[in-house]
Amino acid sequence: MHTVYVLRSLKVKKSYVGMSIDLERRLKEHNSGKNLYTSRYLPWEIIYVEQYESKEEAVKREKFLKTSSGRRFLKKVFSKMSS
């Protein structure tokens, strides 16, 4: 199963969209500073997850969530979650 995820920095108002087949391992990598972008805003928490059967579907969704339309979609999702 391929997982598309969104992380939120607990330090500053930043988010990160990624994809992995092992989400827990990937979160540990982000929080250990192994990723250039995420190492600047440690620590991170998972705030959104979607799962896909194929890698192709997951890559397509990850790319969409990194666009301005995808960011608007996530903003709507998060505003409904906090209501």
PDB file of N, CA and C in Angstrom:
ATOM      1  N   MET A   1       0.854  -1.184   0.000  1.00  0.00           N
ATOM      2  CA  MET A   1       0.000   0.000   0.000  1.00  0.00           C
ATOM      3  C   MET A   1       0.897   1.244   0.000  1.00  0.00           C
ATOM      4  N   HIS A   2       0.578   2.187  -0.855  1.00  0.00           N
ATOM      5  CA  HIS A   2       1.341   3.438  -0.962  1.00  0.00           C
ATOM      6  C   HIS A   2       0.566   4.529  -0.233  1.00  0.00           C
ATOM      7  N   THR A   3       1.265   5.250   0.610  1.00  0.00           N
ATOM      8  CA  THR A   3       0.633   6.260   1.450  1.00  0.00           C
ATOM      9  C   THR A   3       1.091   7.650   1.039  1.00  0.00           C
ATOM     10  N   VAL A   4       0.121   8.527   0.806  1.00  0.00           N
ATOM     11  CA  VAL A   4       0.383   9.953   0.598  1.00  0.00           C
ATOM     12  C   VAL A   4       0.033  10.616   1.920  1.00  0.00           C
ATOM     13  N   TYR A   5       0.931  11.463   2.413  1.00  0.00           N
ATOM     14  CA  TYR A   5       0.746  12.025   3.747  1.00  0.00           C
ATOM     15  C   TYR A   5       1.056  13.513   3.779  1.00  0.00           C
ATOM     16  N   VAL A   6       0.506  14.167   4.798  1.00  0.00           N
ATOM     17  CA  VAL A   6       0.815  15.569   5.048  1.00  0.00           C
ATOM     18  C   VAL A   6       1.332  15.659   6.473  1.00  0.00           C
ATOM     19  N   LEU A   7       2.466  16.314   6.618  1.00  0.00           N
ATOM     20  CA  LEU A   7       3.045  16.566   7.936  1.00  0.00           C
ATOM     21  C   LEU A   7       2.857  18.028   8.296  1.00  0.00           C
ATOM     22  N   ARG A   8       2.783  18.295   9.592  1.00  0.00           N
ATOM     23  CA  ARG A   8       2.735  19.673  10.086  1.00  0.00           C
ATOM     24  C   ARG A   8       3.878  19.846  11.073  1.00  0.00           C
ATOM     25  N   SER A   9       4.588  20.950  10.925  1.00  0.00           N
ATOM     26  CA  SER A   9       5.656  21.265  11.869  1.00  0.00           C
ATOM     27  C   SER A   9       5.035  21.697  13.188  1.00  0.00           C
ATOM     28  N   LEU A  10       5.585  21.200  14.275  1.00  0.00           N
ATOM     29  CA  LEU A  10       5.124  21.613  15.598  1.00  0.00           C
ATOM     30  C   LEU A  10       5.828  22.889  16.046  1.00  0.00           C
ATOM     31  N   LYS A  11       6.790  23.345  15.260  1.00  0.00           N
ATOM     32  CA  LYS A  11       7.590  24.514  15.613  1.00  0.00           C
ATOM     33  C   LYS A  11       7.108  25.796  14.923  1.00  0.00           C
ATOM     34  N   VAL A  12       6.831  25.687  13.635  1.00  0.00           N
ATOM     35  CA  VAL A  12       6.402  26.848  12.848  1.00  0.00           C
ATOM     36  C   VAL A  12       5.213  26.452  11.980  1.00  0.00           C
ATOM     37  N   LYS A  13       4.601  27.421  11.321  1.00  0.00           N
ATOM     38  CA  LYS A  13       3.434  27.139  10.481  1.00  0.00           C
ATOM     39  C   LYS A  13       3.892  26.680   9.096  1.00  0.00           C
ATOM     40  N   LYS A  14       4.292  25.410   9.014  1.00  0.00           N
ATOM     41  CA  LYS A  14       4.752  24.806   7.767  1.00  0.00           C
ATOM     42  C   LYS A  14       4.132  23.421   7.636  1.00  0.00           C
ATOM     43  N   SER A  15       3.960  22.993   6.389  1.00  0.00           N
ATOM     44  CA  SER A  15       3.482  21.632   6.132  1.00  0.00           C
ATOM     45  C   SER A  15       4.355  21.006   5.055  1.00  0.00           C
ATOM     46  N   TYR A  16       4.235  19.690   4.939  1.00  0.00           N
ATOM     47  CA  TYR A  16       5.026  18.948   3.966  1.00  0.00           C
ATOM     48  C   TYR A  16       4.171  17.813   3.432  1.00  0.00           C
ATOM     49  N   VAL A  17       4.143  17.636   2.109  1.00  0.00           N
ATOM     50  CA  VAL A  17       3.407  16.548   1.471  1.00  0.00           C
ATOM     51  C   VAL A  17       4.424  15.546   0.938  1.00  0.00           C
ATOM     52  N   GLY A  18       4.189  14.267   1.225  1.00  0.00           N
ATOM     53  CA  GLY A  18       5.095  13.237   0.755  1.00  0.00           C
ATOM     54  C   GLY A  18       4.371  11.939   0.478  1.00  0.00           C
ATOM     55  N   MET A  19       5.162  10.923   0.079  1.00  0.00           N
ATOM     56  CA  MET A  19       4.621   9.619  -0.226  1.00  0.00           C
ATOM     57  C   MET A  19       5.599   8.560   0.248  1.00  0.00           C
ATOM     58  N   SER A  20       5.068   7.433   0.766  1.00  0.00           N
ATOM     59  CA  SER A  20       5.925   6.363   1.251  1.00  0.00           C
ATOM     60  C   SER A  20       5.148   5.062   1.316  1.00  0.00           C
ATOM     61  N   ILE A  21       5.864   3.939   1.344  1.00  0.00           N
ATOM     62  CA  ILE A  21       5.205   2.660   1.597  1.00  0.00           C
ATOM     63  C   ILE A  21       5.353   2.274   3.065  1.00  0.00           C
ATOM     64  N   ASP A  22       6.177   3.025   3.810  1.00  0.00           N
ATOM     65  CA  ASP A  22       6.353   2.776   5.243  1.00  0.00           C
ATOM     66  C   ASP A  22       6.293   4.129   5.965  1.00  0.00           C
ATOM     67  N   LEU A  23       5.099   4.533   6.325  1.00  0.00           N
ATOM     68  CA  LEU A  23       4.874   5.875   6.866  1.00  0.00           C
ATOM     69  C   LEU A  23       5.603   6.112   8.188  1.00  0.00           C
ATOM     70  N   GLU A  24       5.587   5.147   9.083  1.00  0.00           N
ATOM     71  CA  GLU A  24       6.254   5.340  10.375  1.00  0.00           C
ATOM     72  C   GLU A  24       7.758   5.530  10.210  1.00  0.00           C
ATOM     73  N   ARG A  25       8.376   4.732   9.331  1.00  0.00           N
ATOM     74  CA  ARG A  25       9.810   4.888   9.061  1.00  0.00           C
ATOM     75  C   ARG A  25      10.086   6.256   8.459  1.00  0.00           C
ATOM     76  N   ARG A  26       9.220   6.664   7.535  1.00  0.00           N
ATOM     77  CA  ARG A  26       9.420   7.956   6.865  1.00  0.00           C
ATOM     78  C   ARG A  26       9.291   9.115   7.842  1.00  0.00           C
ATOM     79  N   LEU A  27       8.330   9.038   8.759  1.00  0.00           N
ATOM     80  CA  LEU A  27       8.190  10.089   9.767  1.00  0.00           C
ATOM     81  C   LEU A  27       9.444  10.170  10.632  1.00  0.00           C
ATOM     82  N   LYS A  28       9.991   9.022  11.011  1.00  0.00           N
ATOM     83  CA  LYS A  28      11.241   9.005  11.797  1.00  0.00           C
ATOM     84  C   LYS A  28      12.376   9.665  11.027  1.00  0.00           C
ATOM     85  N   GLU A  29      12.444   9.402   9.714  1.00  0.00           N
ATOM     86  CA  GLU A  29      13.480  10.029   8.888  1.00  0.00           C
ATOM     87  C   GLU A  29      13.312  11.545   8.863  1.00  0.00           C
ATOM     88  N   HIS A  30      12.075  12.012   8.701  1.00  0.00           N
ATOM     89  CA  HIS A  30      11.835  13.456   8.706  1.00  0.00           C
ATOM     90  C   HIS A  30      12.247  14.059  10.050  1.00  0.00           C
ATOM     91  N   ASN A  31      11.889  13.407  11.135  1.00  0.00           N
ATOM     92  CA  ASN A  31      12.177  13.949  12.465  1.00  0.00           C
ATOM     93  C   ASN A  31      13.628  13.766  12.896  1.00  0.00           C
ATOM     94  N   SER A  32      14.395  12.969  12.162  1.00  0.00           N
ATOM     95  CA  SER A  32      15.814  12.829  12.472  1.00  0.00           C
ATOM     96  C   SER A  32      16.670  13.778  11.646  1.00  0.00           C
ATOM     97  N   GLY A  33      16.026  14.563  10.772  1.00  0.00           N
ATOM     98  CA  GLY A  33      16.758  15.560  10.001  1.00  0.00           C
ATOM     99  C   GLY A  33      17.363  15.045   8.710  1.00  0.00           C
ATOM    100  N   LYS A  34      16.913  13.896   8.195  1.00  0.00           N
ATOM    101  CA  LYS A  34      17.485  13.319   6.974  1.00  0.00           C
ATOM    102  C   LYS A  34      16.969  13.976   5.692  1.00  0.00           C
ATOM    103  N   ASN A  35      15.975  14.830   5.799  1.00  0.00           N
ATOM    104  CA  ASN A  35      15.431  15.525   4.641  1.00  0.00           C
ATOM    105  C   ASN A  35      15.777  17.006   4.779  1.00  0.00           C
ATOM    106  N   LEU A  36      16.350  17.598   3.741  1.00  0.00           N
ATOM    107  CA  LEU A  36      16.819  18.980   3.812  1.00  0.00           C
ATOM    108  C   LEU A  36      15.718  19.953   4.216  1.00  0.00           C
ATOM    109  N   TYR A  37      14.553  19.875   3.569  1.00  0.00           N
ATOM    110  CA  TYR A  37      13.474  20.816   3.890  1.00  0.00           C
ATOM    111  C   TYR A  37      12.942  20.597   5.299  1.00  0.00           C
ATOM    112  N   THR A  38      12.620  19.361   5.619  1.00  0.00           N
ATOM    113  CA  THR A  38      11.972  19.109   6.910  1.00  0.00           C
ATOM    114  C   THR A  38      12.922  19.263   8.087  1.00  0.00           C
ATOM    115  N   SER A  39      14.230  19.149   7.872  1.00  0.00           N
ATOM    116  CA  SER A  39      15.178  19.282   8.985  1.00  0.00           C
ATOM    117  C   SER A  39      15.169  20.693   9.587  1.00  0.00           C
ATOM    118  N   ARG A  40      14.728  21.674   8.821  1.00  0.00           N
ATOM    119  CA  ARG A  40      14.709  23.060   9.310  1.00  0.00           C
ATOM    120  C   ARG A  40      13.530  23.373  10.226  1.00  0.00           C
ATOM    121  N   TYR A  41      12.505  22.499  10.226  1.00  0.00           N
ATOM    122  CA  TYR A  41      11.277  22.810  10.956  1.00  0.00           C
ATOM    123  C   TYR A  41      10.855  21.683  11.906  1.00  0.00           C
ATOM    124  N   LEU A  42      11.813  20.982  12.458  1.00  0.00           N
ATOM    125  CA  LEU A  42      11.544  19.878  13.390  1.00  0.00           C
ATOM    126  C   LEU A  42      10.832  20.364  14.638  1.00  0.00           C
ATOM    127  N   PRO A  43      10.033  19.552  15.279  1.00  0.00           N
ATOM    128  CA  PRO A  43       9.563  18.218  14.914  1.00  0.00           C
ATOM    129  C   PRO A  43       8.293  18.286  14.074  1.00  0.00           C
ATOM    130  N   TRP A  44       7.936  17.133  13.482  1.00  0.00           N
ATOM    131  CA  TRP A  44       6.784  16.999  12.598  1.00  0.00           C
ATOM    132  C   TRP A  44       5.786  15.992  13.153  1.00  0.00           C
ATOM    133  N   GLU A  45       4.518  16.193  12.786  1.00  0.00           N
ATOM    134  CA  GLU A  45       3.488  15.213  13.102  1.00  0.00           C
ATOM    135  C   GLU A  45       2.662  14.963  11.858  1.00  0.00           C
ATOM    136  N   ILE A  46       2.098  13.767  11.763  1.00  0.00           N
ATOM    137  CA  ILE A  46       1.234  13.406  10.637  1.00  0.00           C
ATOM    138  C   ILE A  46      -0.147  13.994  10.895  1.00  0.00           C
ATOM    139  N   ILE A  47      -0.674  14.717   9.903  1.00  0.00           N
ATOM    140  CA  ILE A  47      -2.007  15.298  10.088  1.00  0.00           C
ATOM    141  C   ILE A  47      -3.014  14.826   9.047  1.00  0.00           C
ATOM    142  N   TYR A  48      -2.547  14.150   7.988  1.00  0.00           N
ATOM    143  CA  TYR A  48      -3.472  13.709   6.942  1.00  0.00           C
ATOM    144  C   TYR A  48      -2.846  12.551   6.185  1.00  0.00           C
ATOM    145  N   VAL A  49      -3.655  11.534   5.873  1.00  0.00           N
ATOM    146  CA  VAL A  49      -3.158  10.338   5.191  1.00  0.00           C
ATOM    147  C   VAL A  49      -4.188   9.861   4.166  1.00  0.00           C
ATOM    148  N   GLU A  50      -3.700   9.452   3.002  1.00  0.00           N
ATOM    149  CA  GLU A  50      -4.511   8.781   1.985  1.00  0.00           C
ATOM    150  C   GLU A  50      -3.712   7.566   1.520  1.00  0.00           C
ATOM    151  N   GLN A  51      -4.399   6.442   1.266  1.00  0.00           N
ATOM    152  CA  GLN A  51      -3.699   5.236   0.829  1.00  0.00           C
ATOM    153  C   GLN A  51      -4.155   4.815  -0.558  1.00  0.00           C
ATOM    154  N   TYR A  52      -3.198   4.298  -1.343  1.00  0.00           N
ATOM    155  CA  TYR A  52      -3.445   3.897  -2.721  1.00  0.00           C
ATOM    156  C   TYR A  52      -2.820   2.538  -2.983  1.00  0.00           C
ATOM    157  N   GLU A  53      -3.486   1.760  -3.843  1.00  0.00           N
ATOM    158  CA  GLU A  53      -2.993   0.436  -4.213  1.00  0.00           C
ATOM    159  C   GLU A  53      -1.746   0.550  -5.098  1.00  0.00           C
ATOM    160  N   SER A  54      -1.765   1.466  -6.046  1.00  0.00           N
ATOM    161  CA  SER A  54      -0.644   1.555  -6.987  1.00  0.00           C
ATOM    162  C   SER A  54       0.230   2.779  -6.706  1.00  0.00           C
ATOM    163  N   LYS A  55       1.491   2.617  -7.040  1.00  0.00           N
ATOM    164  CA  LYS A  55       2.438   3.719  -6.888  1.00  0.00           C
ATOM    165  C   LYS A  55       2.058   4.873  -7.817  1.00  0.00           C
ATOM    166  N   GLU A  56       1.589   4.547  -9.001  1.00  0.00           N
ATOM    167  CA  GLU A  56       1.221   5.576  -9.980  1.00  0.00           C
ATOM    168  C   GLU A  56       0.109   6.480  -9.444  1.00  0.00           C
ATOM    169  N   GLU A  57      -0.906   5.888  -8.814  1.00  0.00           N
ATOM    170  CA  GLU A  57      -1.996   6.678  -8.228  1.00  0.00           C
ATOM    171  C   GLU A  57      -1.466   7.586  -7.119  1.00  0.00           C
ATOM    172  N   ALA A  58      -0.598   7.028  -6.291  1.00  0.00           N
ATOM    173  CA  ALA A  58      -0.053   7.796  -5.171  1.00  0.00           C
ATOM    174  C   ALA A  58       0.801   8.962  -5.664  1.00  0.00           C
ATOM    175  N   VAL A  59       1.632   8.724  -6.653  1.00  0.00           N
ATOM    176  CA  VAL A  59       2.477   9.787  -7.211  1.00  0.00           C
ATOM    177  C   VAL A  59       1.612  10.896  -7.798  1.00  0.00           C
ATOM    178  N   LYS A  60       0.568  10.505  -8.512  1.00  0.00           N
ATOM    179  CA  LYS A  60      -0.341  11.493  -9.105  1.00  0.00           C
ATOM    180  C   LYS A  60      -0.997  12.348  -8.021  1.00  0.00           C
ATOM    181  N   ARG A  61      -1.451  11.704  -6.951  1.00  0.00           N
ATOM    182  CA  ARG A  61      -2.108  12.440  -5.861  1.00  0.00           C
ATOM    183  C   ARG A  61      -1.123  13.341  -5.131  1.00  0.00           C
ATOM    184  N   GLU A  62       0.085  12.842  -4.873  1.00  0.00           N
ATOM    185  CA  GLU A  62       1.109  13.659  -4.212  1.00  0.00           C
ATOM    186  C   GLU A  62       1.398  14.914  -5.037  1.00  0.00           C
ATOM    187  N   LYS A  63       1.562  14.744  -6.330  1.00  0.00           N
ATOM    188  CA  LYS A  63       1.830  15.894  -7.209  1.00  0.00           C
ATOM    189  C   LYS A  63       0.682  16.892  -7.156  1.00  0.00           C
ATOM    190  N   PHE A  64      -0.573  16.380  -7.167  1.00  0.00           N
ATOM    191  CA  PHE A  64      -1.726  17.274  -7.085  1.00  0.00           C
ATOM    192  C   PHE A  64      -1.713  18.057  -5.774  1.00  0.00           C
ATOM    193  N   LEU A  65      -1.469  17.388  -4.647  1.00  0.00           N
ATOM    194  CA  LEU A  65      -1.509  18.063  -3.347  1.00  0.00           C
ATOM    195  C   LEU A  65      -0.422  19.122  -3.201  1.00  0.00           C
ATOM    196  N   LYS A  66       0.608  19.046  -4.037  1.00  0.00           N
ATOM    197  CA  LYS A  66       1.678  20.043  -3.999  1.00  0.00           C
ATOM    198  C   LYS A  66       1.383  21.247  -4.894  1.00  0.00           C
ATOM    199  N   THR A  67       0.281  21.193  -5.648  1.00  0.00           N
ATOM    200  CA  THR A  67      -0.107  22.325  -6.491  1.00  0.00           C
ATOM    201  C   THR A  67      -0.928  23.314  -5.671  1.00  0.00           C
ATOM    202  N   SER A  68      -1.196  24.471  -6.243  1.00  0.00           N
ATOM    203  CA  SER A  68      -2.021  25.451  -5.535  1.00  0.00           C
ATOM    204  C   SER A  68      -3.437  24.922  -5.331  1.00  0.00           C
ATOM    205  N   SER A  69      -3.969  24.189  -6.296  1.00  0.00           N
ATOM    206  CA  SER A  69      -5.303  23.587  -6.142  1.00  0.00           C
ATOM    207  C   SER A  69      -5.303  22.555  -5.021  1.00  0.00           C
ATOM    208  N   GLY A  70      -4.253  21.772  -4.952  1.00  0.00           N
ATOM    209  CA  GLY A  70      -4.141  20.773  -3.895  1.00  0.00           C
ATOM    210  C   GLY A  70      -4.027  21.405  -2.528  1.00  0.00           C
ATOM    211  N   ARG A  71      -3.279  22.471  -2.427  1.00  0.00           N
ATOM    212  CA  ARG A  71      -3.152  23.185  -1.144  1.00  0.00           C
ATOM    213  C   ARG A  71      -4.501  23.764  -0.722  1.00  0.00           C
ATOM    214  N   ARG A  72      -5.269  24.279  -1.675  1.00  0.00           N
ATOM    215  CA  ARG A  72      -6.616  24.788  -1.354  1.00  0.00           C
ATOM    216  C   ARG A  72      -7.508  23.652  -0.862  1.00  0.00           C
ATOM    217  N   PHE A  73      -7.415  22.480  -1.505  1.00  0.00           N
ATOM    218  CA  PHE A  73      -8.177  21.316  -1.071  1.00  0.00           C
ATOM    219  C   PHE A  73      -7.826  20.962   0.374  1.00  0.00           C
ATOM    220  N   LEU A  74      -6.541  20.898   0.677  1.00  0.00           N
ATOM    221  CA  LEU A  74      -6.110  20.550   2.036  1.00  0.00           C
ATOM    222  C   LEU A  74      -6.570  21.587   3.050  1.00  0.00           C
ATOM    223  N   LYS A  75      -6.535  22.843   2.661  1.00  0.00           N
ATOM    224  CA  LYS A  75      -6.987  23.905   3.565  1.00  0.00           C
ATOM    225  C   LYS A  75      -8.458  23.701   3.927  1.00  0.00           C
ATOM    226  N   LYS A  76      -9.291  23.332   2.938  1.00  0.00           N
ATOM    227  CA  LYS A  76     -10.702  23.054   3.205  1.00  0.00           C
ATOM    228  C   LYS A  76     -10.874  21.853   4.122  1.00  0.00           C
ATOM    229  N   VAL A  77     -10.112  20.799   3.871  1.00  0.00           N
ATOM    230  CA  VAL A  77     -10.173  19.597   4.707  1.00  0.00           C
ATOM    231  C   VAL A  77      -9.817  19.938   6.143  1.00  0.00           C
ATOM    232  N   PHE A  78      -8.750  20.692   6.340  1.00  0.00           N
ATOM    233  CA  PHE A  78      -8.294  21.015   7.686  1.00  0.00           C
ATOM    234  C   PHE A  78      -9.253  21.963   8.400  1.00  0.00           C
ATOM    235  N   SER A  79      -9.883  22.868   7.649  1.00  0.00           N
ATOM    236  CA  SER A  79     -10.829  23.782   8.286  1.00  0.00           C
ATOM    237  C   SER A  79     -12.059  23.008   8.757  1.00  0.00           C
ATOM    238  N   LYS A  80     -12.467  21.975   8.023  1.00  0.00           N
ATOM    239  CA  LYS A  80     -13.594  21.132   8.454  1.00  0.00           C
ATOM    240  C   LYS A  80     -13.210  20.280   9.658  1.00  0.00           C
ATOM    241  N   MET A  81     -11.940  19.851   9.714  1.00  0.00           N
ATOM    242  CA  MET A  81     -11.474  19.027  10.835  1.00  0.00           C
ATOM    243  C   MET A  81     -11.431  19.830  12.126  1.00  0.00           C
ATOM    244  N   SER A  82     -11.112  21.105  12.027  1.00  0.00           N
ATOM    245  CA  SER A  82     -10.980  21.930  13.237  1.00  0.00           C
ATOM    246  C   SER A  82     -12.308  22.530  13.681  1.00  0.00           C
ATOM    247  N   SER A  83     -13.348  22.384  12.867  1.00  0.00           N
ATOM    248  CA  SER A  83     -14.670  22.938  13.214  1.00  0.00           C
ATOM    249  C   SER A  83     -15.415  22.042  14.172  1.00  0.00           C
TER     250      SER A  83
END
